[in-house]
């Protein structure tokens, strides 16, 4: 079993710089059960919502991580969302930080 590695300040800053966000976005919708006239066929995309650490932004995408490791600065369970499909992006801020405290309350 690998032993935890100590993080350098640069590595810690890299993880600390990833905000926790909620992204609402439109996705394609498939309706394999619809059987009817074209006029009443479903024509709207589905609205999705994902939450995670925003670990990468490119010209075309936002990349969210559902899980991050504080020991080795790795991420997993990624969701890649095309920016053109994003309806809203909201950064989540802990109430403790919202109220001007320096650190979130420890569990």
C-alpha atoms as a PDB file:
ATOM      1  CA  UNK A   1       0.000   0.000   0.000  1.00  0.00           C
ATOM      2  CA  UNK A   2       1.391   3.395  -0.989  1.00  0.00           C
ATOM      3  CA  UNK A   3       2.217   5.782   1.793  1.00  0.00           C
ATOM      4  CA  UNK A   4       0.693   9.291   1.692  1.00  0.00           C
ATOM      5  CA  UNK A   5       3.052  11.854   0.252  1.00  0.00           C
ATOM      6  CA  UNK A   6       3.505  15.288   1.740  1.00  0.00           C
ATOM      7  CA  UNK A   7       2.266  18.030  -0.547  1.00  0.00           C
ATOM      8  CA  UNK A   8       4.378  20.978  -1.534  1.00  0.00           C
ATOM      9  CA  UNK A   9       2.840  24.456  -1.143  1.00  0.00           C
ATOM     10  CA  UNK A  10       2.539  24.619  -4.951  1.00  0.00           C
ATOM     11  CA  UNK A  11       0.528  21.372  -5.040  1.00  0.00           C
ATOM     12  CA  UNK A  12      -1.737  22.527  -2.210  1.00  0.00           C
ATOM     13  CA  UNK A  13      -2.389  25.832  -3.966  1.00  0.00           C
ATOM     14  CA  UNK A  14      -3.324  23.920  -7.113  1.00  0.00           C
ATOM     15  CA  UNK A  15      -6.086  22.006  -5.313  1.00  0.00           C
ATOM     16  CA  UNK A  16      -7.136  24.981  -3.212  1.00  0.00           C
ATOM     17  CA  UNK A  17      -7.711  26.980  -6.394  1.00  0.00           C
ATOM     18  CA  UNK A  18     -10.487  24.642  -7.575  1.00  0.00           C
ATOM     19  CA  UNK A  19     -13.853  26.107  -6.616  1.00  0.00           C
ATOM     20  CA  UNK A  20     -16.831  23.926  -5.774  1.00  0.00           C
ATOM     21  CA  UNK A  21     -19.493  24.755  -8.373  1.00  0.00           C
ATOM     22  CA  UNK A  22     -22.970  23.800  -9.520  1.00  0.00           C
ATOM     23  CA  UNK A  23     -23.433  23.830 -13.289  1.00  0.00           C
ATOM     24  CA  UNK A  24     -26.840  23.686 -14.944  1.00  0.00           C
ATOM     25  CA  UNK A  25     -26.706  22.660 -18.583  1.00  0.00           C
ATOM     26  CA  UNK A  26     -28.883  21.412 -21.406  1.00  0.00           C
ATOM     27  CA  UNK A  27     -28.333  17.908 -22.722  1.00  0.00           C
ATOM     28  CA  UNK A  28     -29.704  15.858 -25.588  1.00  0.00           C
ATOM     29  CA  UNK A  29     -32.830  13.879 -24.803  1.00  0.00           C
ATOM     30  CA  UNK A  30     -33.824  10.544 -26.309  1.00  0.00           C
ATOM     31  CA  UNK A  31     -37.429   9.377 -26.209  1.00  0.00           C
ATOM     32  CA  UNK A  32     -37.604   5.850 -27.581  1.00  0.00           C
ATOM     33  CA  UNK A  33     -41.228   5.417 -26.495  1.00  0.00           C
ATOM     34  CA  UNK A  34     -42.786   8.346 -28.387  1.00  0.00           C
ATOM     35  CA  UNK A  35     -45.050   7.228 -31.213  1.00  0.00           C
ATOM     36  CA  UNK A  36     -47.130  10.049 -32.609  1.00  0.00           C
ATOM     37  CA  UNK A  37     -47.367  12.997 -34.964  1.00  0.00           C
ATOM     38  CA  UNK A  38     -44.406  15.272 -35.602  1.00  0.00           C
ATOM     39  CA  UNK A  39     -46.326  18.302 -34.291  1.00  0.00           C
ATOM     40  CA  UNK A  40     -46.575  16.878 -30.755  1.00  0.00           C
ATOM     41  CA  UNK A  41     -43.150  15.193 -30.655  1.00  0.00           C
ATOM     42  CA  UNK A  42     -40.882  16.222 -27.751  1.00  0.00           C
ATOM     43  CA  UNK A  43     -38.594  19.019 -28.911  1.00  0.00           C
ATOM     44  CA  UNK A  44     -36.877  20.388 -25.800  1.00  0.00           C
ATOM     45  CA  UNK A  45     -33.513  19.298 -24.370  1.00  0.00           C
ATOM     46  CA  UNK A  46     -33.302  18.044 -20.815  1.00  0.00           C
ATOM     47  CA  UNK A  47     -31.947  20.356 -18.085  1.00  0.00           C
ATOM     48  CA  UNK A  48     -29.161  18.744 -16.039  1.00  0.00           C
ATOM     49  CA  UNK A  49     -27.375  19.844 -12.883  1.00  0.00           C
ATOM     50  CA  UNK A  50     -23.911  18.698 -11.793  1.00  0.00           C
ATOM     51  CA  UNK A  51     -21.882  19.643  -8.731  1.00  0.00           C
ATOM     52  CA  UNK A  52     -18.136  19.233  -8.297  1.00  0.00           C
ATOM     53  CA  UNK A  53     -14.723  20.845  -8.134  1.00  0.00           C
ATOM     54  CA  UNK A  54     -14.030  22.896 -11.258  1.00  0.00           C
ATOM     55  CA  UNK A  55     -10.597  21.464 -12.070  1.00  0.00           C
ATOM     56  CA  UNK A  56     -10.194  22.628 -15.661  1.00  0.00           C
ATOM     57  CA  UNK A  57     -11.623  25.209 -18.048  1.00  0.00           C
ATOM     58  CA  UNK A  58     -10.927  25.113 -21.771  1.00  0.00           C
ATOM     59  CA  UNK A  59     -12.329  27.166 -24.640  1.00  0.00           C
ATOM     60  CA  UNK A  60     -14.948  24.465 -25.177  1.00  0.00           C
ATOM     61  CA  UNK A  61     -15.509  22.772 -21.811  1.00  0.00           C
ATOM     62  CA  UNK A  62     -15.779  22.869 -18.048  1.00  0.00           C
ATOM     63  CA  UNK A  63     -14.330  19.809 -16.285  1.00  0.00           C
ATOM     64  CA  UNK A  64     -15.774  18.873 -12.890  1.00  0.00           C
ATOM     65  CA  UNK A  65     -14.274  16.355 -10.491  1.00  0.00           C
ATOM     66  CA  UNK A  66     -16.536  14.528  -8.044  1.00  0.00           C
ATOM     67  CA  UNK A  67     -13.575  13.462  -5.918  1.00  0.00           C
ATOM     68  CA  UNK A  68     -10.115  14.855  -5.182  1.00  0.00           C
ATOM     69  CA  UNK A  69      -7.213  13.455  -3.178  1.00  0.00           C
ATOM     70  CA  UNK A  70      -5.539  15.770  -0.700  1.00  0.00           C
ATOM     71  CA  UNK A  71      -2.601  13.372  -0.428  1.00  0.00           C
ATOM     72  CA  UNK A  72      -1.387  13.306  -4.026  1.00  0.00           C
ATOM     73  CA  UNK A  73      -3.282  16.080  -5.846  1.00  0.00           C
ATOM     74  CA  UNK A  74      -5.230  13.710  -8.105  1.00  0.00           C
ATOM     75  CA  UNK A  75      -8.809  13.901  -9.312  1.00  0.00           C
ATOM     76  CA  UNK A  76     -11.337  11.245 -10.344  1.00  0.00           C
ATOM     77  CA  UNK A  77     -14.931  10.794 -11.485  1.00  0.00           C
ATOM     78  CA  UNK A  78     -14.752  13.587 -14.080  1.00  0.00           C
ATOM     79  CA  UNK A  79     -17.648  15.183 -15.928  1.00  0.00           C
ATOM     80  CA  UNK A  80     -16.840  17.169 -19.087  1.00  0.00           C
ATOM     81  CA  UNK A  81     -19.552  19.710 -19.939  1.00  0.00           C
ATOM     82  CA  UNK A  82     -19.552  21.671 -23.221  1.00  0.00           C
ATOM     83  CA  UNK A  83     -19.598  25.401 -22.363  1.00  0.00           C
ATOM     84  CA  UNK A  84     -22.093  26.147 -25.146  1.00  0.00           C
ATOM     85  CA  UNK A  85     -24.677  24.027 -23.296  1.00  0.00           C
ATOM     86  CA  UNK A  86     -24.258  25.757 -19.901  1.00  0.00           C
ATOM     87  CA  UNK A  87     -27.288  27.687 -18.681  1.00  0.00           C
ATOM     88  CA  UNK A  88     -25.871  28.724 -15.277  1.00  0.00           C
ATOM     89  CA  UNK A  89     -22.661  28.262 -13.258  1.00  0.00           C
ATOM     90  CA  UNK A  90     -22.747  29.002  -9.536  1.00  0.00           C
ATOM     91  CA  UNK A  91     -19.751  28.896  -7.210  1.00  0.00           C
ATOM     92  CA  UNK A  92     -20.594  27.413  -3.818  1.00  0.00           C
ATOM     93  CA  UNK A  93     -19.193  29.320  -0.839  1.00  0.00           C
ATOM     94  CA  UNK A  94     -19.266  27.855   2.706  1.00  0.00           C
ATOM     95  CA  UNK A  95     -21.419  29.948   5.062  1.00  0.00           C
ATOM     96  CA  UNK A  96     -18.426  30.466   7.346  1.00  0.00           C
ATOM     97  CA  UNK A  97     -16.493  32.145   4.517  1.00  0.00           C
ATOM     98  CA  UNK A  98     -19.571  34.088   3.403  1.00  0.00           C
ATOM     99  CA  UNK A  99     -19.784  35.614   6.891  1.00  0.00           C
ATOM    100  CA  UNK A 100     -16.178  36.786   6.832  1.00  0.00           C
ATOM    101  CA  UNK A 101     -14.596  34.031   8.934  1.00  0.00           C
ATOM    102  CA  UNK A 102     -11.184  32.848   7.804  1.00  0.00           C
ATOM    103  CA  UNK A 103     -11.705  29.095   8.006  1.00  0.00           C
ATOM    104  CA  UNK A 104     -14.708  26.794   7.670  1.00  0.00           C
ATOM    105  CA  UNK A 105     -15.811  25.120  10.891  1.00  0.00           C
ATOM    106  CA  UNK A 106     -14.161  21.718  11.438  1.00  0.00           C
ATOM    107  CA  UNK A 107     -16.374  18.642  11.760  1.00  0.00           C
END
